[in-house]
């Protein structure tokens, strides 16, 4: 029990710094299949990471991004460095179609396969492509699709600013806990979302106290998930040492 409390305190102390330095996470849902159905990122220069899962061949996920004329435009797509995604051939991997405000669509082809760790969550990814340019003013429509079921992450923007406005998103509070559930291929993300919503739904007379407690509840959920994953890694390490 003392070890659990110690790990939780350490994670709690590190959590604000990790949130500030990481992409602001957005979890795409299965009904957000088109850009119009998906989230709207109000400022495309802010660093967001959108996590989604294609459930079958030719499945799609979409979202929109606002830019001012002359803004730096940055988009990349990644997959978790896990099976089955890291075993897929290039033709089967997810890819991004970007439609600018003038209606011109560009497919971001796979240009690289760069593996790297994400230290704040202890997860690993493979970057498939990275695009930089200069935006024209207006709303860009982003669609992700592919020839196989696969998890993916699309990163947009490079200016770190956690908590920036996002429209048309029902699960903003999932945060890091949602990312960890997505990475594990676990439908618990939906359960976490429902739990958060049930906690937030309080009588109008209690709105003020609910608003204050919601961030703490989210932090507690994140800590519990990360502590659990830490113990799983420790157990796996012990098992490997035992077999040796």
Protein backbone atom coordinates (compact mmCIF):
# COMPACT_ATOMS: atom_id res chain seq x y z
CA UNK A 1 0.00 0.00 0.00
CA UNK A 2 2.86 2.41 0.82
CA UNK A 3 4.40 1.73 -2.60
CA UNK A 4 1.10 2.47 -4.32
CA UNK A 5 0.74 5.77 -2.45
CA UNK A 6 4.33 6.72 -3.25
CA UNK A 7 3.88 6.02 -6.97
CA UNK A 8 0.58 7.94 -7.01
CA UNK A 9 2.21 10.96 -5.34
CA UNK A 10 5.10 10.93 -7.79
CA UNK A 11 2.73 10.70 -10.76
CA UNK A 12 0.56 13.44 -9.32
CA UNK A 13 3.60 15.68 -9.01
CA UNK A 14 4.71 15.00 -12.58
CA UNK A 15 1.27 15.15 -14.17
CA UNK A 16 0.92 18.95 -14.63
CA UNK A 17 4.34 19.16 -16.31
CA UNK A 18 3.57 16.26 -18.64
CA UNK A 19 0.21 17.72 -19.63
CA UNK A 20 1.78 21.10 -20.37
CA UNK A 21 4.48 19.56 -22.59
CA UNK A 22 2.37 17.03 -24.49
CA UNK A 23 -0.11 17.33 -27.34
CA UNK A 24 -3.61 18.13 -26.11
CA UNK A 25 -5.39 14.75 -26.54
CA UNK A 26 -8.71 14.29 -28.33
CA UNK A 27 -10.38 10.86 -28.57
CA UNK A 28 -12.36 10.38 -31.79
CA UNK A 29 -15.53 8.30 -31.48
CA UNK A 30 -16.93 5.72 -33.90
CA UNK A 31 -19.73 8.04 -35.05
CA UNK A 32 -17.31 10.79 -36.10
CA UNK A 33 -16.81 9.35 -39.58
CA UNK A 34 -16.77 12.61 -41.54
CA UNK A 35 -15.17 16.00 -40.90
CA UNK A 36 -18.62 17.53 -40.34
CA UNK A 37 -19.36 14.89 -37.67
CA UNK A 38 -16.01 15.25 -35.94
CA UNK A 39 -14.42 17.82 -33.64
CA UNK A 40 -13.63 21.36 -34.79
CA UNK A 41 -10.23 22.61 -33.67
CA UNK A 42 -10.70 26.36 -33.32
CA UNK A 43 -7.00 27.20 -33.72
CA UNK A 44 -4.96 24.93 -36.00
CA UNK A 45 -1.63 26.26 -34.73
CA UNK A 46 -2.23 24.74 -31.28
CA UNK A 47 -0.76 21.29 -30.77
CA UNK A 48 -3.47 18.60 -30.69
CA UNK A 49 -3.27 14.82 -31.01
CA UNK A 50 -6.42 13.07 -32.21
CA UNK A 51 -6.63 9.36 -31.38
CA UNK A 52 -8.95 7.08 -33.33
CA UNK A 53 -9.54 3.54 -34.53
CA UNK A 54 -10.57 2.33 -37.97
CA UNK A 55 -12.76 -0.68 -37.24
CA UNK A 56 -12.68 -2.22 -40.73
CA UNK A 57 -11.34 -1.68 -44.25
CA UNK A 58 -12.44 1.67 -45.74
CA UNK A 59 -13.76 2.90 -42.40
CA UNK A 60 -13.26 6.65 -41.89
CA UNK A 61 -12.80 9.21 -39.12
CA UNK A 62 -12.92 12.96 -39.61
CA UNK A 63 -12.47 16.36 -38.02
CA UNK A 64 -12.03 20.03 -39.00
CA UNK A 65 -9.36 22.63 -38.27
CA UNK A 66 -9.52 26.42 -38.49
CA UNK A 67 -6.55 28.44 -39.75
CA UNK A 68 -5.87 32.10 -40.41
CA UNK A 69 -4.16 32.99 -43.67
CA UNK A 70 -0.40 32.59 -43.29
CA UNK A 71 -0.57 30.33 -40.24
CA UNK A 72 2.00 27.51 -40.11
CA UNK A 73 0.30 24.27 -41.14
CA UNK A 74 1.54 21.07 -39.55
CA UNK A 75 -0.06 17.61 -39.81
CA UNK A 76 1.39 14.18 -39.11
CA UNK A 77 -0.04 10.69 -38.76
CA UNK A 78 1.24 7.96 -36.46
CA UNK A 79 0.33 4.46 -35.41
CA UNK A 80 1.06 2.71 -32.12
CA UNK A 81 4.22 0.62 -32.32
CA UNK A 82 2.16 -2.47 -31.57
CA UNK A 83 0.58 -5.35 -33.45
CA UNK A 84 -1.37 -5.40 -35.65
CA UNK A 85 -0.54 -1.85 -36.80
CA UNK A 86 3.26 -2.26 -36.92
CA UNK A 87 2.88 -5.45 -38.98
CA UNK A 88 0.77 -3.89 -41.76
CA UNK A 89 2.24 -3.24 -45.20
CA UNK A 90 2.27 0.30 -46.59
CA UNK A 91 -0.88 -0.22 -48.67
CA UNK A 92 -2.84 -1.29 -45.59
CA UNK A 93 -1.75 1.49 -43.23
CA UNK A 94 -4.09 4.39 -42.41
CA UNK A 95 -3.57 7.62 -44.33
CA UNK A 96 -4.84 11.21 -44.26
CA UNK A 97 -6.78 13.22 -46.85
CA UNK A 98 -6.58 16.99 -46.32
CA UNK A 99 -9.16 19.24 -48.02
CA UNK A 100 -8.39 22.95 -47.88
CA UNK A 101 -11.02 25.74 -47.77
CA UNK A 102 -10.93 26.00 -51.59
CA UNK A 103 -11.94 22.32 -51.96
CA UNK A 104 -8.52 21.04 -53.05
CA UNK A 105 -7.76 17.62 -51.55
CA UNK A 106 -4.27 16.23 -50.93
CA UNK A 107 -3.48 12.68 -49.80
CA UNK A 108 -0.59 12.53 -47.34
CA UNK A 109 1.33 9.50 -48.53
CA UNK A 110 3.59 7.48 -46.25
CA UNK A 111 7.04 9.07 -46.42
CA UNK A 112 8.78 7.61 -43.39
CA UNK A 113 8.56 5.03 -40.64
CA UNK A 114 10.20 6.51 -37.58
CA UNK A 115 9.77 4.71 -34.26
CA UNK A 116 9.94 6.75 -31.07
CA UNK A 117 8.83 6.58 -27.42
CA UNK A 118 6.39 9.01 -25.81
CA UNK A 119 7.90 9.46 -22.32
CA UNK A 120 4.94 11.02 -20.55
CA UNK A 121 2.66 8.00 -21.02
CA UNK A 122 5.26 5.28 -21.58
CA UNK A 123 3.80 4.48 -25.01
CA UNK A 124 5.57 3.92 -28.35
CA UNK A 125 4.65 5.09 -31.85
CA UNK A 126 5.67 4.94 -35.51
CA UNK A 127 5.43 8.20 -37.48
CA UNK A 128 4.23 7.53 -41.04
CA UNK A 129 4.27 11.00 -42.54
CA UNK A 130 4.85 14.62 -41.56
CA UNK A 131 3.62 17.61 -43.57
CA UNK A 132 4.50 21.30 -43.16
CA UNK A 133 3.21 24.24 -45.13
CA UNK A 134 1.47 27.61 -44.96
CA UNK A 135 -2.28 27.66 -44.44
CA UNK A 136 -4.85 29.65 -46.34
CA UNK A 137 -7.58 31.22 -44.24
CA UNK A 138 -10.60 29.06 -43.44
CA UNK A 139 -11.56 25.57 -42.33
CA UNK A 140 -9.60 22.47 -43.39
CA UNK A 141 -11.39 19.09 -43.49
CA UNK A 142 -9.31 16.10 -42.39
CA UNK A 143 -10.32 12.49 -43.15
CA UNK A 144 -8.45 9.36 -42.06
CA UNK A 145 -9.08 6.03 -43.79
CA UNK A 146 -7.29 2.82 -44.75
CA UNK A 147 -7.54 -0.71 -46.10
CA UNK A 148 -7.32 -2.43 -42.69
CA UNK A 149 -8.60 -2.03 -39.19
CA UNK A 150 -6.01 0.05 -37.31
CA UNK A 151 -5.47 2.56 -34.55
CA UNK A 152 -3.99 5.91 -35.53
CA UNK A 153 -3.00 9.31 -34.18
CA UNK A 154 -3.14 12.54 -36.17
CA UNK A 155 -1.10 15.45 -34.79
CA UNK A 156 -2.04 19.00 -35.76
CA UNK A 157 -0.20 22.19 -34.84
CA UNK A 158 2.99 22.72 -32.86
CA UNK A 159 2.16 25.48 -30.37
CA UNK A 160 1.78 23.88 -26.93
CA UNK A 161 -1.33 25.19 -25.15
CA UNK A 162 -3.30 22.63 -23.16
CA UNK A 163 -7.06 23.16 -22.81
CA UNK A 164 -7.64 25.25 -25.98
CA UNK A 165 -11.23 25.42 -27.29
CA UNK A 166 -12.59 22.47 -29.29
CA UNK A 167 -16.15 22.28 -30.61
CA UNK A 168 -18.35 19.22 -31.20
CA UNK A 169 -16.56 16.91 -28.79
CA UNK A 170 -18.53 14.94 -26.17
CA UNK A 171 -15.58 13.40 -24.31
CA UNK A 172 -13.10 16.23 -23.69
CA UNK A 173 -12.49 15.05 -20.12
CA UNK A 174 -11.05 11.66 -21.13
CA UNK A 175 -7.56 13.10 -21.52
CA UNK A 176 -4.60 10.84 -20.78
CA UNK A 177 -6.82 8.08 -19.38
CA UNK A 178 -8.57 7.90 -22.75
CA UNK A 179 -5.23 7.75 -24.57
CA UNK A 180 -4.07 4.85 -22.42
CA UNK A 181 -7.31 2.94 -23.01
CA UNK A 182 -7.03 3.60 -26.77
CA UNK A 183 -3.39 2.42 -26.78
CA UNK A 184 -4.39 -0.78 -25.01
CA UNK A 185 -7.20 -1.37 -27.53
CA UNK A 186 -9.57 -1.28 -24.57
CA UNK A 187 -13.23 -0.19 -24.87
CA UNK A 188 -12.89 1.09 -21.30
CA UNK A 189 -12.61 4.55 -22.88
CA UNK A 190 -16.38 4.55 -23.29
CA UNK A 191 -16.88 3.44 -19.71
CA UNK A 192 -14.59 6.22 -18.45
CA UNK A 193 -16.53 8.75 -20.52
CA UNK A 194 -19.85 7.58 -19.05
CA UNK A 195 -18.42 7.72 -15.53
CA UNK A 196 -17.18 11.27 -16.00
CA UNK A 197 -20.54 12.35 -17.45
CA UNK A 198 -22.48 10.80 -14.56
CA UNK A 199 -20.28 12.61 -12.03
CA UNK A 200 -20.66 15.95 -13.82
CA UNK A 201 -24.47 15.68 -14.02
CA UNK A 202 -25.57 17.37 -10.78
CA UNK A 203 -28.52 19.62 -9.83
CA UNK A 204 -28.16 23.21 -11.00
CA UNK A 205 -27.77 24.42 -7.41
CA UNK A 206 -24.54 22.40 -7.17
CA UNK A 207 -23.04 23.49 -10.48
CA UNK A 208 -20.26 25.52 -8.88
CA UNK A 209 -18.92 22.69 -6.70
CA UNK A 210 -19.22 20.19 -9.56
CA UNK A 211 -17.18 22.41 -11.86
CA UNK A 212 -14.45 22.63 -9.24
CA UNK A 213 -14.33 18.89 -8.53
CA UNK A 214 -14.34 17.63 -12.13
CA UNK A 215 -10.61 18.35 -12.81
CA UNK A 216 -9.65 16.52 -9.61
CA UNK A 217 -11.76 13.51 -10.58
CA UNK A 218 -10.08 13.42 -13.99
CA UNK A 219 -6.63 13.58 -12.37
CA UNK A 220 -7.52 10.69 -10.04
CA UNK A 221 -8.69 8.56 -12.98
CA UNK A 222 -5.47 9.30 -14.89
CA UNK A 223 -3.31 8.42 -11.86
CA UNK A 224 -5.12 5.12 -11.27
CA UNK A 225 -4.73 4.10 -14.92
CA UNK A 226 -1.05 4.99 -15.01
CA UNK A 227 -0.35 3.24 -11.67
CA UNK A 228 -2.08 0.11 -12.96
CA UNK A 229 -0.01 0.14 -16.14
CA UNK A 230 3.13 0.61 -14.07
CA UNK A 231 2.40 -2.51 -12.03
CA UNK A 232 1.74 -4.49 -15.21
CA UNK A 233 5.20 -3.53 -16.53
CA UNK A 234 6.82 -4.43 -13.18
CA UNK A 235 5.13 -7.85 -13.15
CA UNK A 236 6.21 -8.55 -16.73
CA UNK A 237 9.80 -7.62 -15.86
CA UNK A 238 9.75 -9.93 -12.83
CA UNK A 239 8.37 -12.78 -14.92
CA UNK A 240 11.13 -12.36 -17.51
CA UNK A 241 13.79 -12.40 -14.80
CA UNK A 242 12.23 -15.52 -13.25
CA UNK A 243 12.26 -17.40 -16.55
CA UNK A 244 15.91 -16.45 -17.07
